[in-house]
C-alpha atoms as a PDB file:
ATOM      1  CA  UNK A   1    -157.923 -81.586-136.073  1.00  0.00           C
ATOM      2  CA  UNK A   2    -159.877 -80.043-133.215  1.00  0.00           C
ATOM      3  CA  UNK A   3    -158.436 -77.481-130.751  1.00  0.00           C
ATOM      4  CA  UNK A   4    -158.318 -79.856-127.744  1.00  0.00           C
ATOM      5  CA  UNK A   5    -156.308 -82.360-129.793  1.00  0.00           C
ATOM      6  CA  UNK A   6    -153.985 -79.622-131.023  1.00  0.00           C
ATOM      7  CA  UNK A   7    -153.233 -78.532-127.448  1.00  0.00           C
ATOM      8  CA  UNK A   8    -152.494 -82.122-126.422  1.00  0.00           C
ATOM      9  CA  UNK A   9    -150.485 -83.215-129.460  1.00  0.00           C
ATOM     10  CA  UNK A  10    -148.732 -79.979-130.455  1.00  0.00           C
ATOM     11  CA  UNK A  11    -148.381 -77.672-127.437  1.00  0.00           C
ATOM     12  CA  UNK A  12    -144.901 -76.624-128.538  1.00  0.00           C
ATOM     13  CA  UNK A  13    -146.330 -75.158-131.708  1.00  0.00           C
ATOM     14  CA  UNK A  14    -149.833 -74.195-130.623  1.00  0.00           C
ATOM     15  CA  UNK A  15    -148.996 -72.271-127.455  1.00  0.00           C
ATOM     16  CA  UNK A  16    -146.372 -69.923-128.907  1.00  0.00           C
ATOM     17  CA  UNK A  17    -148.662 -69.380-131.896  1.00  0.00           C
ATOM     18  CA  UNK A  18    -151.567 -68.536-129.570  1.00  0.00           C
ATOM     19  CA  UNK A  19    -149.387 -66.247-127.457  1.00  0.00           C
ATOM     20  CA  UNK A  20    -148.429 -64.312-130.587  1.00  0.00           C
ATOM     21  CA  UNK A  21    -152.095 -63.954-131.552  1.00  0.00           C
ATOM     22  CA  UNK A  22    -152.809 -62.632-128.037  1.00  0.00           C
ATOM     23  CA  UNK A  23    -149.661 -60.462-128.111  1.00  0.00           C
ATOM     24  CA  UNK A  24    -148.458 -61.973-124.845  1.00  0.00           C
ATOM     25  CA  UNK A  25    -144.941 -63.048-124.017  1.00  0.00           C
ATOM     26  CA  UNK A  26    -144.467 -66.252-122.059  1.00  0.00           C
ATOM     27  CA  UNK A  27    -144.386 -64.445-118.706  1.00  0.00           C
ATOM     28  CA  UNK A  28    -147.630 -62.532-119.351  1.00  0.00           C
ATOM     29  CA  UNK A  29    -149.329 -65.652-120.713  1.00  0.00           C
ATOM     30  CA  UNK A  30    -148.319 -67.602-117.598  1.00  0.00           C
ATOM     31  CA  UNK A  31    -149.597 -64.819-115.342  1.00  0.00           C
ATOM     32  CA  UNK A  32    -152.912 -64.744-117.213  1.00  0.00           C
ATOM     33  CA  UNK A  33    -153.268 -68.503-116.690  1.00  0.00           C
ATOM     34  CA  UNK A  34    -152.125 -68.275-113.066  1.00  0.00           C
ATOM     35  CA  UNK A  35    -149.117 -70.553-113.459  1.00  0.00           C
ATOM     36  CA  UNK A  36    -145.363 -69.986-113.201  1.00  0.00           C
ATOM     37  CA  UNK A  37    -143.556 -69.123-116.429  1.00  0.00           C
ATOM     38  CA  UNK A  38    -141.529 -72.319-116.035  1.00  0.00           C
ATOM     39  CA  UNK A  39    -144.733 -74.351-116.358  1.00  0.00           C
ATOM     40  CA  UNK A  40    -145.570 -72.742-119.705  1.00  0.00           C
ATOM     41  CA  UNK A  41    -141.991 -73.443-120.787  1.00  0.00           C
ATOM     42  CA  UNK A  42    -142.425 -77.134-119.924  1.00  0.00           C
ATOM     43  CA  UNK A  43    -145.707 -77.270-121.861  1.00  0.00           C
ATOM     44  CA  UNK A  44    -144.070 -75.684-124.874  1.00  0.00           C
ATOM     45  CA  UNK A  45    -141.158 -78.114-124.648  1.00  0.00           C
ATOM     46  CA  UNK A  46    -143.566 -81.034-124.381  1.00  0.00           C
ATOM     47  CA  UNK A  47    -142.179 -82.203-121.049  1.00  0.00           C
ATOM     48  CA  UNK A  48    -145.439 -81.601-119.140  1.00  0.00           C
ATOM     49  CA  UNK A  49    -149.024 -81.857-120.366  1.00  0.00           C
ATOM     50  CA  UNK A  50    -151.399 -78.911-120.125  1.00  0.00           C
ATOM     51  CA  UNK A  51    -153.914 -79.715-117.370  1.00  0.00           C
ATOM     52  CA  UNK A  52    -157.490 -80.289-118.514  1.00  0.00           C
ATOM     53  CA  UNK A  53    -158.894 -77.242-116.688  1.00  0.00           C
ATOM     54  CA  UNK A  54    -156.428 -74.934-118.424  1.00  0.00           C
ATOM     55  CA  UNK A  55    -156.958 -76.600-121.787  1.00  0.00           C
ATOM     56  CA  UNK A  56    -160.657 -75.849-121.378  1.00  0.00           C
ATOM     57  CA  UNK A  57    -159.798 -72.159-120.939  1.00  0.00           C
ATOM     58  CA  UNK A  58    -157.579 -72.177-124.020  1.00  0.00           C
ATOM     59  CA  UNK A  59    -159.860 -74.077-126.404  1.00  0.00           C
ATOM     60  CA  UNK A  60    -162.208 -71.135-127.151  1.00  0.00           C
ATOM     61  CA  UNK A  61    -159.220 -68.936-127.998  1.00  0.00           C
ATOM     62  CA  UNK A  62    -157.604 -71.559-130.204  1.00  0.00           C
ATOM     63  CA  UNK A  63    -160.956 -72.127-131.903  1.00  0.00           C
ATOM     64  CA  UNK A  64    -161.368 -68.414-132.560  1.00  0.00           C
ATOM     65  CA  UNK A  65    -157.913 -67.951-134.042  1.00  0.00           C
ATOM     66  CA  UNK A  66    -157.975 -71.162-136.096  1.00  0.00           C
ATOM     67  CA  UNK A  67    -160.779 -69.558-138.109  1.00  0.00           C
ATOM     68  CA  UNK A  68    -158.284 -66.979-139.420  1.00  0.00           C
ATOM     69  CA  UNK A  69    -155.837 -67.257-142.282  1.00  0.00           C
ATOM     70  CA  UNK A  70    -153.022 -67.621-139.738  1.00  0.00           C
ATOM     71  CA  UNK A  71    -154.964 -70.461-138.138  1.00  0.00           C
ATOM     72  CA  UNK A  72    -155.262 -72.297-141.418  1.00  0.00           C
ATOM     73  CA  UNK A  73    -151.525 -71.807-141.902  1.00  0.00           C
ATOM     74  CA  UNK A  74    -150.862 -73.262-138.455  1.00  0.00           C
ATOM     75  CA  UNK A  75    -152.864 -76.364-139.290  1.00  0.00           C
ATOM     76  CA  UNK A  76    -150.678 -76.889-142.358  1.00  0.00           C
ATOM     77  CA  UNK A  77    -147.462 -76.655-140.323  1.00  0.00           C
ATOM     78  CA  UNK A  78    -148.403 -78.661-137.220  1.00  0.00           C
ATOM     79  CA  UNK A  79    -145.882 -81.350-136.493  1.00  0.00           C
ATOM     80  CA  UNK A  80    -143.336 -79.914-138.880  1.00  0.00           C
ATOM     81  CA  UNK A  81    -141.619 -77.677-136.286  1.00  0.00           C
ATOM     82  CA  UNK A  82    -142.040 -74.479-138.288  1.00  0.00           C
ATOM     83  CA  UNK A  83    -143.952 -72.487-135.718  1.00  0.00           C
ATOM     84  CA  UNK A  84    -141.484 -72.352-132.814  1.00  0.00           C
ATOM     85  CA  UNK A  85    -141.215 -69.262-130.613  1.00  0.00           C
ATOM     86  CA  UNK A  86    -139.232 -68.550-127.460  1.00  0.00           C
END
């Protein structure tokens, strides 16, 4: 599965995973993206989609980290709810 698809289908798993790789809490991640923290919360809960322009910013990072052992582990757990983070 490619990074854009991961961000669309599994934001609740992919975003917390990415934030951990970047060592950013939800507030810092939201500030970096220029959105309110509540928006990131909605993305992670799956109640709002990540806008295309922001997905484009995230894809290179997801791509980079998917090449790691942790990235391969994420791909094995997607959709199974094992990579949740608050």
